[in-house]
Protein backbone atom coordinates (compact mmCIF):
# COMPACT_ATOMS: atom_id res chain seq x y z
CA MET A 1 92.79 85.52 107.08
CA LYS A 2 90.31 85.75 104.20
CA ARG A 3 87.56 84.40 106.44
CA ASN A 4 88.28 87.13 108.99
CA ILE A 5 88.06 89.77 106.27
CA GLU A 6 84.73 88.34 105.13
CA LEU A 7 83.42 88.62 108.70
CA THR A 8 83.58 92.41 108.33
CA LYS A 9 80.86 92.23 105.62
CA GLY A 10 83.03 94.49 103.48
CA LEU A 11 83.33 97.29 106.02
CA ILE A 12 87.12 97.31 105.73
CA PHE A 13 86.66 98.88 102.30
CA SER A 14 84.69 101.86 103.62
CA GLN A 15 87.61 104.28 103.36
CA ARG A 16 88.17 103.42 99.70
CA VAL A 17 84.47 104.00 99.00
CA MET A 18 84.49 107.34 100.80
CA LEU A 19 87.57 108.54 98.90
CA ALA A 20 86.07 107.41 95.59
CA LEU A 21 82.90 109.39 96.36
CA ILE A 22 85.02 112.45 97.13
CA ASP A 23 86.89 111.95 93.85
CA LYS A 24 83.51 111.98 92.10
CA GLY A 25 82.83 115.46 93.48
CA LEU A 26 80.92 114.84 96.71
CA SER A 27 81.95 116.82 99.75
CA ARG A 28 83.87 114.93 102.40
CA GLN A 29 80.92 115.38 104.76
CA LYS A 30 78.37 114.00 102.27
CA ALA A 31 80.62 111.08 101.32
CA TYR A 32 81.12 110.29 105.00
CA GLU A 33 77.36 110.40 105.64
CA LEU A 34 76.62 108.01 102.78
CA VAL A 35 79.32 105.57 103.82
CA GLN A 36 78.44 105.79 107.52
CA ARG A 37 74.72 105.25 106.89
CA ASN A 38 75.36 102.09 104.89
CA ALA A 39 78.13 100.87 107.17
CA MET A 40 75.81 101.04 110.18
CA LYS A 41 73.11 99.12 108.28
CA ALA A 42 75.68 96.47 107.38
CA TRP A 43 76.98 96.22 110.93
CA LYS A 44 73.65 96.20 112.74
CA GLY A 45 71.76 94.15 110.16
CA ASN A 46 74.53 91.67 109.39
CA LYS A 47 74.28 92.60 105.71
CA ASN A 48 76.88 92.94 103.00
CA PHE A 49 78.21 96.50 102.72
CA LEU A 50 78.65 96.38 98.93
CA THR A 51 75.09 95.10 98.46
CA LEU A 52 73.75 97.98 100.54
CA LEU A 53 75.81 100.54 98.63
CA LYS A 54 74.53 99.19 95.31
CA ALA A 55 70.96 99.57 96.58
CA ASP A 56 71.49 103.18 97.72
CA PRO A 57 70.47 105.56 94.91
CA GLU A 58 72.54 108.42 96.36
CA VAL A 59 75.66 106.28 96.22
CA THR A 60 75.01 104.81 92.78
CA ALA A 61 74.30 108.27 91.37
CA ALA A 62 77.98 109.04 91.98
CA LEU A 63 79.45 105.54 91.78
CA PRO A 64 77.58 103.04 89.61
CA PRO A 65 78.01 99.35 90.54
CA PRO A 66 80.75 98.71 87.93
CA GLU A 67 82.82 101.41 89.67
CA LEU A 68 81.93 100.27 93.20
CA GLU A 69 82.85 96.61 92.79
CA PRO A 70 86.61 97.09 92.16
CA LEU A 71 86.84 99.07 95.41
CA PHE A 72 86.15 95.81 97.26
CA ASP A 73 89.12 93.92 95.85
CA GLU A 74 91.50 92.92 98.64
CA GLN A 75 94.33 92.61 96.11
CA TYR A 76 94.54 96.42 96.17
CA TYR A 77 96.00 96.16 99.67
CA LEU A 78 98.52 93.54 98.59
CA ARG A 79 99.84 95.42 95.58
CA TYR A 80 103.24 96.09 97.19
CA ILE A 81 103.69 92.68 98.78
CA ASP A 82 106.50 91.65 96.42
CA ASP A 83 108.41 94.87 97.15
CA ILE A 84 107.94 94.49 100.90
CA PHE A 85 109.25 90.95 100.96
CA ALA A 86 112.12 91.87 98.65
CA ARG A 87 113.15 94.61 101.10
CA LEU A 88 113.16 91.96 103.81
CA GLY A 89 115.45 89.83 101.70
CA LEU A 90 112.87 87.11 101.11
CA THR A 91 112.43 85.35 97.81
CA LYS A 92 109.05 84.33 96.40
CA ALA A 93 109.94 80.71 97.09
CA GLN A 94 110.42 81.55 100.77
CA TRP A 95 107.22 83.52 101.33
CA LYS A 96 104.98 81.53 98.99
CA GLY A 97 106.27 78.20 100.20
CA ASP A 98 104.93 75.91 102.88
CA ILE A 99 104.43 78.15 105.90
CA THR A 100 104.37 75.16 108.24
CA LYS A 101 108.08 74.62 107.66
CA PRO A 102 110.38 77.02 109.47
CA THR A 103 112.52 79.13 107.19
CA GLU A 104 116.02 79.96 108.28
CA LEU A 105 116.90 83.48 107.32
CA ALA A 106 120.25 85.06 107.78
CA PRO A 107 120.24 88.64 109.05
CA ARG A 108 120.60 91.16 106.27
CA THR A 109 123.41 93.63 106.40
CA ILE A 110 122.43 97.18 105.71
């Protein structure tokens, strides 16, 4: 799964970057333009999105590299994973265990 994420060259984080730019005071339109411009360069040129953003002075004027880098942390999207699995009735041992072994789960009563 991580390899598939890496194939996107970081483009999956474009929404977080755009929202961070808006939070810094840019208009939605301007933030979109900056993100779109760099996203297209990344896509067409097979380049890393974060690297392009760091090299763009318009982007770094609003979001310096130390503020850009945390936006590319995939753990942000997994922050509720424990809660989700708990709601499904799964323990950490079940979902962090060997996924090649089938796990027998009893239906949960609601």
